[in-house]
Amino acid sequence: MTLDILAIAAHRDDVELTCGGTLIAAVDRGQRVGILDLTAGEMGTRGSAALRATEADAAANVLGVAMRENLGLPDAGIENTRATREALVGVLRRWRPQVVIAPAPVGRHPDHRVAAELIRDACFLSGLAKYASGDAAHRPRKLLHAISYREDFDKPSFVVDVTMTFARKLAAIRCYASQFDGTTQAGEVFPNGEPLIDIVTHHAAHYGSLIRRQYGEPFWTRETLRVDDLLSLDVSTF
């Protein structure tokens, strides 16, 4: 079985925070969606790697994804090396996704920044027939970066309307009780004194306002997006 979309993140819970609503919407459309967590989160201040595995499985059920795997790289120690590239290429060739979602190219946590570079390199190398061994070469058609909460980054290339899936996104986030109960920040979500769920909601409302919707999730691509019909352009200027 192959995937339409594979979301790859450094830590369990990153995907839920940054693009969970988008993944749920894709599943609702009948697309096959998967998640690859690069680390087990063993360096997390709260809980344990084993507990986070249980929470990640529960969140995956809420999201409705077809698969969730863990690459087992060291938490707080992800490196872009030949070994890690080959390990990731193996996953890409086995699941053969058309679209890959990666973290933002910039970030507060070193794992997030390095993961973005590692994922891009592995997506390219996966398409080289003579690179590594194992399954046949496969290169994803599109690489997207989920840039939620990155106010210091470029303007989004596009925003996905997640109004209809936002409640389920929050339900998936709440699966990580060991990480988020009583907290005011997580990952790239900077604190403002409010509960984490409230901050996530405010950010989603901001991104939604950019496309004149209640809630949204932003993405960035290096390549320019094509438009064939000007009358098809959504989001009113005035």
C-alpha atoms as a PDB file:
ATOM      1  CA  MET A   1       0.000   0.000   0.000  1.00  0.00           C
ATOM      2  CA  THR A   2       1.203   3.503  -0.819  1.00  0.00           C
ATOM      3  CA  LEU A   3       0.426   6.908   0.660  1.00  0.00           C
ATOM      4  CA  ASP A   4      -0.899  10.097  -0.862  1.00  0.00           C
ATOM      5  CA  ILE A   5       0.539  12.274   1.921  1.00  0.00           C
ATOM      6  CA  LEU A   6       3.300  11.602   4.448  1.00  0.00           C
ATOM      7  CA  ALA A   7       3.806  14.101   7.272  1.00  0.00           C
ATOM      8  CA  ILE A   8       7.299  13.862   8.765  1.00  0.00           C
ATOM      9  CA  ALA A   9       8.190  15.595  12.030  1.00  0.00           C
ATOM     10  CA  ALA A  10      10.971  15.543  14.575  1.00  0.00           C
ATOM     11  CA  HIS A  11       8.851  14.615  17.588  1.00  0.00           C
ATOM     12  CA  ARG A  12       5.618  12.916  18.478  1.00  0.00           C
ATOM     13  CA  ASP A  13       2.992  15.696  18.754  1.00  0.00           C
ATOM     14  CA  ASP A  14       4.672  18.037  16.215  1.00  0.00           C
ATOM     15  CA  VAL A  15       2.369  16.954  13.395  1.00  0.00           C
ATOM     16  CA  GLU A  16      -0.751  17.393  15.512  1.00  0.00           C
ATOM     17  CA  LEU A  17       0.284  20.933  16.433  1.00  0.00           C
ATOM     18  CA  THR A  18       1.323  22.114  12.973  1.00  0.00           C
ATOM     19  CA  CYS A  19      -0.819  20.332  10.385  1.00  0.00           C
ATOM     20  CA  GLY A  20      -3.251  18.036  12.174  1.00  0.00           C
ATOM     21  CA  GLY A  21      -6.313  19.728  10.720  1.00  0.00           C
ATOM     22  CA  THR A  22      -4.941  19.435   7.192  1.00  0.00           C
ATOM     23  CA  LEU A  23      -4.285  15.709   7.630  1.00  0.00           C
ATOM     24  CA  ILE A  24      -7.803  15.111   8.950  1.00  0.00           C
ATOM     25  CA  ALA A  25      -9.268  16.984   5.970  1.00  0.00           C
ATOM     26  CA  ALA A  26      -7.215  14.827   3.590  1.00  0.00           C
ATOM     27  CA  VAL A  27      -8.438  11.655   5.293  1.00  0.00           C
ATOM     28  CA  ASP A  28     -12.011  12.921   5.042  1.00  0.00           C
ATOM     29  CA  ARG A  29     -11.490  13.256   1.268  1.00  0.00           C
ATOM     30  CA  GLY A  30     -10.491   9.610   1.065  1.00  0.00           C
ATOM     31  CA  GLN A  31      -6.745  10.190   0.723  1.00  0.00           C
ATOM     32  CA  ARG A  32      -4.232   7.828   2.351  1.00  0.00           C
ATOM     33  CA  VAL A  33      -2.238   9.737   4.942  1.00  0.00           C
ATOM     34  CA  GLY A  34       0.696   8.644   7.096  1.00  0.00           C
ATOM     35  CA  ILE A  35       2.943  10.075   9.810  1.00  0.00           C
ATOM     36  CA  LEU A  36       6.631   9.457  10.431  1.00  0.00           C
ATOM     37  CA  ASP A  37       8.021  10.696  13.744  1.00  0.00           C
ATOM     38  CA  LEU A  38      11.809  10.891  13.537  1.00  0.00           C
ATOM     39  CA  THR A  39      12.446  10.474  17.295  1.00  0.00           C
ATOM     40  CA  ALA A  40      10.729   8.842  20.242  1.00  0.00           C
ATOM     41  CA  GLY A  41      10.786  12.047  22.312  1.00  0.00           C
ATOM     42  CA  GLU A  42      12.905  10.527  25.040  1.00  0.00           C
ATOM     43  CA  MET A  43      14.404  13.915  25.985  1.00  0.00           C
ATOM     44  CA  GLY A  44      11.021  15.439  26.834  1.00  0.00           C
ATOM     45  CA  THR A  45      10.898  17.032  30.268  1.00  0.00           C
ATOM     46  CA  ARG A  46       7.544  15.452  31.082  1.00  0.00           C
ATOM     47  CA  GLY A  47       6.459  11.846  30.712  1.00  0.00           C
ATOM     48  CA  SER A  48       8.505   9.182  28.949  1.00  0.00           C
ATOM     49  CA  ALA A  49       9.107   7.842  25.462  1.00  0.00           C
ATOM     50  CA  ALA A  50       6.885   4.837  26.202  1.00  0.00           C
ATOM     51  CA  LEU A  51       4.028   7.041  27.379  1.00  0.00           C
ATOM     52  CA  ARG A  52       4.388   9.317  24.367  1.00  0.00           C
ATOM     53  CA  ALA A  53       4.183   6.265  22.103  1.00  0.00           C
ATOM     54  CA  THR A  54       0.825   5.392  23.633  1.00  0.00           C
ATOM     55  CA  GLU A  55      -0.340   8.997  23.279  1.00  0.00           C
ATOM     56  CA  ALA A  56       0.856   9.126  19.666  1.00  0.00           C
ATOM     57  CA  ASP A  57      -1.145   6.005  18.831  1.00  0.00           C
ATOM     58  CA  ALA A  58      -4.245   7.562  20.379  1.00  0.00           C
ATOM     59  CA  ALA A  59      -3.703  10.773  18.411  1.00  0.00           C
ATOM     60  CA  ALA A  60      -3.225   8.794  15.194  1.00  0.00           C
ATOM     61  CA  ASN A  61      -6.631   7.204  15.749  1.00  0.00           C
ATOM     62  CA  VAL A  62      -8.196  10.652  16.133  1.00  0.00           C
ATOM     63  CA  LEU A  63      -6.496  11.855  12.955  1.00  0.00           C
ATOM     64  CA  GLY A  64      -7.584   8.722  11.087  1.00  0.00           C
ATOM     65  CA  VAL A  65      -4.218   8.145   9.411  1.00  0.00           C
ATOM     66  CA  ALA A  66      -3.358   4.885   7.655  1.00  0.00           C
ATOM     67  CA  MET A  67       0.049   4.498   9.311  1.00  0.00           C
ATOM     68  CA  ARG A  68       2.302   6.006  11.945  1.00  0.00           C
ATOM     69  CA  GLU A  69       5.934   4.930  12.298  1.00  0.00           C
ATOM     70  CA  ASN A  70       8.969   6.053  14.259  1.00  0.00           C
ATOM     71  CA  LEU A  71      12.455   6.236  12.745  1.00  0.00           C
ATOM     72  CA  GLY A  72      14.176   6.000  16.131  1.00  0.00           C
ATOM     73  CA  LEU A  73      16.651   8.864  15.686  1.00  0.00           C
ATOM     74  CA  PRO A  74      18.019  10.436  18.904  1.00  0.00           C
ATOM     75  CA  ASP A  75      15.815  13.134  20.395  1.00  0.00           C
ATOM     76  CA  ALA A  76      17.657  16.478  20.601  1.00  0.00           C
ATOM     77  CA  GLY A  77      20.296  14.901  18.390  1.00  0.00           C
ATOM     78  CA  ILE A  78      18.916  14.605  14.857  1.00  0.00           C
ATOM     79  CA  GLU A  79      21.701  14.878  12.282  1.00  0.00           C
ATOM     80  CA  ASN A  80      21.658  15.063   8.506  1.00  0.00           C
ATOM     81  CA  THR A  81      24.154  12.289   7.748  1.00  0.00           C
ATOM     82  CA  ARG A  82      24.462   9.546   5.152  1.00  0.00           C
ATOM     83  CA  ALA A  83      23.058   7.050   7.655  1.00  0.00           C
ATOM     84  CA  THR A  84      19.988   9.149   8.538  1.00  0.00           C
ATOM     85  CA  ARG A  85      19.366  10.028   4.893  1.00  0.00           C
ATOM     86  CA  GLU A  86      19.453   6.365   3.903  1.00  0.00           C
ATOM     87  CA  ALA A  87      17.113   5.423   6.756  1.00  0.00           C
ATOM     88  CA  LEU A  88      14.605   8.048   5.653  1.00  0.00           C
ATOM     89  CA  VAL A  89      14.972   7.093   1.985  1.00  0.00           C
ATOM     90  CA  GLY A  90      14.001   3.557   2.961  1.00  0.00           C
ATOM     91  CA  VAL A  91      10.704   4.831   4.406  1.00  0.00           C
ATOM     92  CA  LEU A  92       9.998   7.047   1.398  1.00  0.00           C
ATOM     93  CA  ARG A  93      10.581   4.201  -1.045  1.00  0.00           C
ATOM     94  CA  ARG A  94       8.444   1.792   0.956  1.00  0.00           C
ATOM     95  CA  TRP A  95       5.421   4.101   1.277  1.00  0.00           C
ATOM     96  CA  ARG A  96       5.964   6.133  -1.949  1.00  0.00           C
ATOM     97  CA  PRO A  97       4.054   9.308  -0.935  1.00  0.00           C
ATOM     98  CA  GLN A  98       3.138  11.911  -3.536  1.00  0.00           C
ATOM     99  CA  VAL A  99       3.274  14.793  -1.042  1.00  0.00           C
ATOM    100  CA  VAL A 100       5.608  15.111   1.938  1.00  0.00           C
ATOM    101  CA  ILE A 101       5.029  17.622   4.733  1.00  0.00           C
ATOM    102  CA  ALA A 102       8.148  18.715   6.637  1.00  0.00           C
ATOM    103  CA  PRO A 103       8.782  21.160   9.502  1.00  0.00           C
ATOM    104  CA  ALA A 104       9.578  24.805   8.824  1.00  0.00           C
ATOM    105  CA  PRO A 105      13.155  25.408   7.610  1.00  0.00           C
ATOM    106  CA  VAL A 106      13.696  27.615  10.672  1.00  0.00           C
ATOM    107  CA  GLY A 107      12.765  26.914  14.259  1.00  0.00           C
ATOM    108  CA  ARG A 108      13.564  27.262  17.932  1.00  0.00           C
ATOM    109  CA  HIS A 109      14.356  23.581  18.431  1.00  0.00           C
ATOM    110  CA  PRO A 110      17.503  22.376  16.602  1.00  0.00           C
ATOM    111  CA  ASP A 111      15.749  19.095  15.729  1.00  0.00           C
ATOM    112  CA  HIS A 112      13.119  20.995  13.754  1.00  0.00           C
ATOM    113  CA  ARG A 113      15.627  22.888  11.628  1.00  0.00           C
ATOM    114  CA  VAL A 114      17.811  19.864  10.962  1.00  0.00           C
ATOM    115  CA  ALA A 115      14.793  17.667  10.240  1.00  0.00           C
ATOM    116  CA  ALA A 116      13.618  20.063   7.514  1.00  0.00           C
ATOM    117  CA  GLU A 117      16.995  19.817   5.778  1.00  0.00           C
ATOM    118  CA  LEU A 118      17.226  16.056   6.258  1.00  0.00           C
ATOM    119  CA  ILE A 119      13.758  15.514   4.793  1.00  0.00           C
ATOM    120  CA  ARG A 120      14.457  17.665   1.736  1.00  0.00           C
ATOM    121  CA  ASP A 121      17.731  15.867   1.017  1.00  0.00           C
ATOM    122  CA  ALA A 122      16.187  12.435   1.503  1.00  0.00           C
ATOM    123  CA  CYS A 123      13.261  13.256  -0.809  1.00  0.00           C
ATOM    124  CA  PHE A 124      15.722  14.116  -3.566  1.00  0.00           C
ATOM    125  CA  LEU A 125      18.040  11.179  -2.994  1.00  0.00           C
ATOM    126  CA  SER A 126      15.121   8.763  -2.862  1.00  0.00           C
ATOM    127  CA  GLY A 127      14.612   9.407  -6.576  1.00  0.00           C
ATOM    128  CA  LEU A 128      18.137   8.339  -7.562  1.00  0.00           C
ATOM    129  CA  ALA A 129      17.968   4.791  -8.902  1.00  0.00           C
ATOM    130  CA  LYS A 130      21.546   3.966  -7.901  1.00  0.00           C
ATOM    131  CA  TYR A 131      21.347   5.501  -4.414  1.00  0.00           C
ATOM    132  CA  ALA A 132      21.322   2.955  -1.584  1.00  0.00           C
ATOM    133  CA  SER A 133      19.598  -0.386  -1.978  1.00  0.00           C
ATOM    134  CA  GLY A 134      16.235  -1.884  -1.275  1.00  0.00           C
ATOM    135  CA  ASP A 135      12.962  -0.728  -2.822  1.00  0.00           C
ATOM    136  CA  ALA A 136      12.800   0.972  -6.210  1.00  0.00           C
ATOM    137  CA  ALA A 137      13.580   4.676  -6.469  1.00  0.00           C
ATOM    138  CA  HIS A 138      10.769   7.089  -5.711  1.00  0.00           C
ATOM    139  CA  ARG A 139      10.768  10.869  -5.426  1.00  0.00           C
ATOM    140  CA  PRO A 140       7.752  12.662  -3.918  1.00  0.00           C
ATOM    141  CA  ARG A 141       6.143  15.152  -6.300  1.00  0.00           C
ATOM    142  CA  LYS A 142       5.732  17.904  -3.718  1.00  0.00           C
ATOM    143  CA  LEU A 143       7.531  18.946  -0.532  1.00  0.00           C
ATOM    144  CA  LEU A 144       5.634  21.309   1.770  1.00  0.00           C
ATOM    145  CA  HIS A 145       6.757  22.961   4.991  1.00  0.00           C
ATOM    146  CA  ALA A 146       4.237  23.379   7.832  1.00  0.00           C
ATOM    147  CA  ILE A 147       5.039  26.815   9.265  1.00  0.00           C
ATOM    148  CA  SER A 148       2.441  27.221  12.010  1.00  0.00           C
ATOM    149  CA  TYR A 149       3.578  29.547  14.840  1.00  0.00           C
ATOM    150  CA  ARG A 150       6.630  30.796  12.896  1.00  0.00           C
ATOM    151  CA  GLU A 151       5.944  34.518  12.985  1.00  0.00           C
ATOM    152  CA  ASP A 152       9.614  35.195  12.127  1.00  0.00           C
ATOM    153  CA  PHE A 153       9.356  33.253   8.856  1.00  0.00           C
ATOM    154  CA  ASP A 154       8.148  34.111   5.342  1.00  0.00           C
ATOM    155  CA  LYS A 155       4.504  34.738   4.532  1.00  0.00           C
ATOM    156  CA  PRO A 156       2.711  31.428   3.839  1.00  0.00           C
ATOM    157  CA  SER A 157       2.560  30.224   0.245  1.00  0.00           C
ATOM    158  CA  PHE A 158      -0.973  29.085   1.034  1.00  0.00           C
ATOM    159  CA  VAL A 159      -3.270  28.373   3.980  1.00  0.00           C
ATOM    160  CA  VAL A 160      -5.518  25.320   4.307  1.00  0.00           C
ATOM    161  CA  ASP A 161      -9.016  25.909   5.656  1.00  0.00           C
ATOM    162  CA  VAL A 162      -9.318  23.632   8.707  1.00  0.00           C
ATOM    163  CA  THR A 163     -12.502  25.118  10.143  1.00  0.00           C
ATOM    164  CA  MET A 164     -14.421  21.859   9.807  1.00  0.00           C
ATOM    165  CA  THR A 165     -11.601  19.724  11.247  1.00  0.00           C
ATOM    166  CA  PHE A 166     -10.275  22.030  13.954  1.00  0.00           C
ATOM    167  CA  ALA A 167     -12.172  20.420  16.834  1.00  0.00           C
ATOM    168  CA  ARG A 168     -10.660  17.045  15.932  1.00  0.00           C
ATOM    169  CA  LYS A 169      -7.203  18.622  15.648  1.00  0.00           C
ATOM    170  CA  LEU A 170      -7.562  19.855  19.237  1.00  0.00           C
ATOM    171  CA  ALA A 171      -8.751  16.407  20.298  1.00  0.00           C
ATOM    172  CA  ALA A 172      -5.581  14.904  18.809  1.00  0.00           C
ATOM    173  CA  ILE A 173      -3.425  17.456  20.640  1.00  0.00           C
ATOM    174  CA  ARG A 174      -5.195  16.658  23.904  1.00  0.00           C
ATOM    175  CA  CYS A 175      -4.130  13.016  23.539  1.00  0.00           C
ATOM    176  CA  TYR A 176      -0.701  14.169  24.742  1.00  0.00           C
ATOM    177  CA  ALA A 177      -1.828  14.789  28.291  1.00  0.00           C
ATOM    178  CA  SER A 178       1.625  14.037  29.709  1.00  0.00           C
ATOM    179  CA  GLN A 179       3.082  16.829  27.593  1.00  0.00           C
ATOM    180  CA  PHE A 180       0.415  19.493  27.475  1.00  0.00           C
ATOM    181  CA  ASP A 181      -1.921  19.331  30.483  1.00  0.00           C
ATOM    182  CA  GLY A 182      -1.485  22.568  32.410  1.00  0.00           C
ATOM    183  CA  THR A 183       1.178  23.905  30.021  1.00  0.00           C
ATOM    184  CA  THR A 184       1.409  27.259  28.255  1.00  0.00           C
ATOM    185  CA  GLN A 185       3.868  26.381  25.487  1.00  0.00           C
ATOM    186  CA  ALA A 186       5.123  23.496  23.355  1.00  0.00           C
ATOM    187  CA  GLY A 187       7.682  23.194  20.585  1.00  0.00           C
ATOM    188  CA  GLU A 188       7.410  26.296  18.440  1.00  0.00           C
ATOM    189  CA  VAL A 189       4.344  27.565  20.321  1.00  0.00           C
ATOM    190  CA  PHE A 190       5.633  30.470  22.374  1.00  0.00           C
ATOM    191  CA  PRO A 191       3.844  31.254  25.670  1.00  0.00           C
ATOM    192  CA  ASN A 192       1.683  34.282  26.383  1.00  0.00           C
ATOM    193  CA  GLY A 193       0.342  33.148  29.757  1.00  0.00           C
ATOM    194  CA  GLU A 194      -2.738  31.388  28.362  1.00  0.00           C
ATOM    195  CA  PRO A 195      -3.285  27.617  28.265  1.00  0.00           C
ATOM    196  CA  LEU A 196      -1.640  25.923  25.284  1.00  0.00           C
ATOM    197  CA  ILE A 197      -4.936  25.000  23.603  1.00  0.00           C
ATOM    198  CA  ASP A 198      -6.030  28.644  23.685  1.00  0.00           C
ATOM    199  CA  ILE A 199      -2.776  29.777  22.067  1.00  0.00           C
ATOM    200  CA  VAL A 200      -3.121  27.141  19.341  1.00  0.00           C
ATOM    201  CA  THR A 201      -6.671  28.347  18.726  1.00  0.00           C
ATOM    202  CA  HIS A 202      -5.592  31.991  18.459  1.00  0.00           C
ATOM    203  CA  HIS A 203      -2.906  31.138  15.922  1.00  0.00           C
ATOM    204  CA  ALA A 204      -5.303  29.047  13.853  1.00  0.00           C
ATOM    205  CA  ALA A 205      -7.804  31.905  13.890  1.00  0.00           C
ATOM    206  CA  HIS A 206      -5.090  34.286  12.665  1.00  0.00           C
ATOM    207  CA  TYR A 207      -4.160  32.025   9.757  1.00  0.00           C
ATOM    208  CA  GLY A 208      -7.829  31.507   9.018  1.00  0.00           C
ATOM    209  CA  SER A 209      -8.342  35.262   8.804  1.00  0.00           C
ATOM    210  CA  LEU A 210      -5.754  35.398   6.007  1.00  0.00           C
ATOM    211  CA  ILE A 211      -8.096  33.327   3.838  1.00  0.00           C
ATOM    212  CA  ARG A 212     -11.330  34.744   5.309  1.00  0.00           C
ATOM    213  CA  ARG A 213     -12.107  31.544   7.204  1.00  0.00           C
ATOM    214  CA  GLN A 214     -12.435  30.752  10.904  1.00  0.00           C
ATOM    215  CA  TYR A 215      -9.363  28.507  11.229  1.00  0.00           C
ATOM    216  CA  GLY A 216      -6.392  27.753   8.991  1.00  0.00           C
ATOM    217  CA  GLU A 217      -2.990  26.050   8.829  1.00  0.00           C
ATOM    218  CA  PRO A 218      -0.161  27.734   6.866  1.00  0.00           C
ATOM    219  CA  PHE A 219       2.334  26.111   4.505  1.00  0.00           C
ATOM    220  CA  TRP A 220       5.365  27.310   2.555  1.00  0.00           C
ATOM    221  CA  THR A 221       6.983  26.011  -0.625  1.00  0.00           C
ATOM    222  CA  ARG A 222      10.198  27.070  -2.332  1.00  0.00           C
ATOM    223  CA  GLU A 223       8.603  26.875  -5.757  1.00  0.00           C
ATOM    224  CA  THR A 224       6.039  29.332  -7.111  1.00  0.00           C
ATOM    225  CA  LEU A 225       2.477  28.043  -7.251  1.00  0.00           C
ATOM    226  CA  ARG A 226       0.732  28.062 -10.649  1.00  0.00           C
ATOM    227  CA  VAL A 227      -2.659  29.599 -11.427  1.00  0.00           C
ATOM    228  CA  ASP A 228      -4.303  29.040 -14.819  1.00  0.00           C
ATOM    229  CA  ASP A 229      -7.626  30.813 -14.344  1.00  0.00           C
ATOM    230  CA  LEU A 230      -7.679  34.199 -12.623  1.00  0.00           C
ATOM    231  CA  LEU A 231     -11.389  33.829 -11.911  1.00  0.00           C
ATOM    232  CA  SER A 232     -10.605  30.759  -9.835  1.00  0.00           C
ATOM    233  CA  LEU A 233      -8.572  32.782  -7.350  1.00  0.00           C
ATOM    234  CA  ASP A 234     -10.160  32.615  -3.930  1.00  0.00           C
ATOM    235  CA  VAL A 235      -9.938  35.070  -0.993  1.00  0.00           C
ATOM    236  CA  SER A 236     -11.438  38.468  -1.673  1.00  0.00           C
ATOM    237  CA  THR A 237      -9.068  41.450  -1.719  1.00  0.00           C
ATOM    238  CA  PHE A 238     -11.646  43.763  -0.132  1.00  0.00           C
END
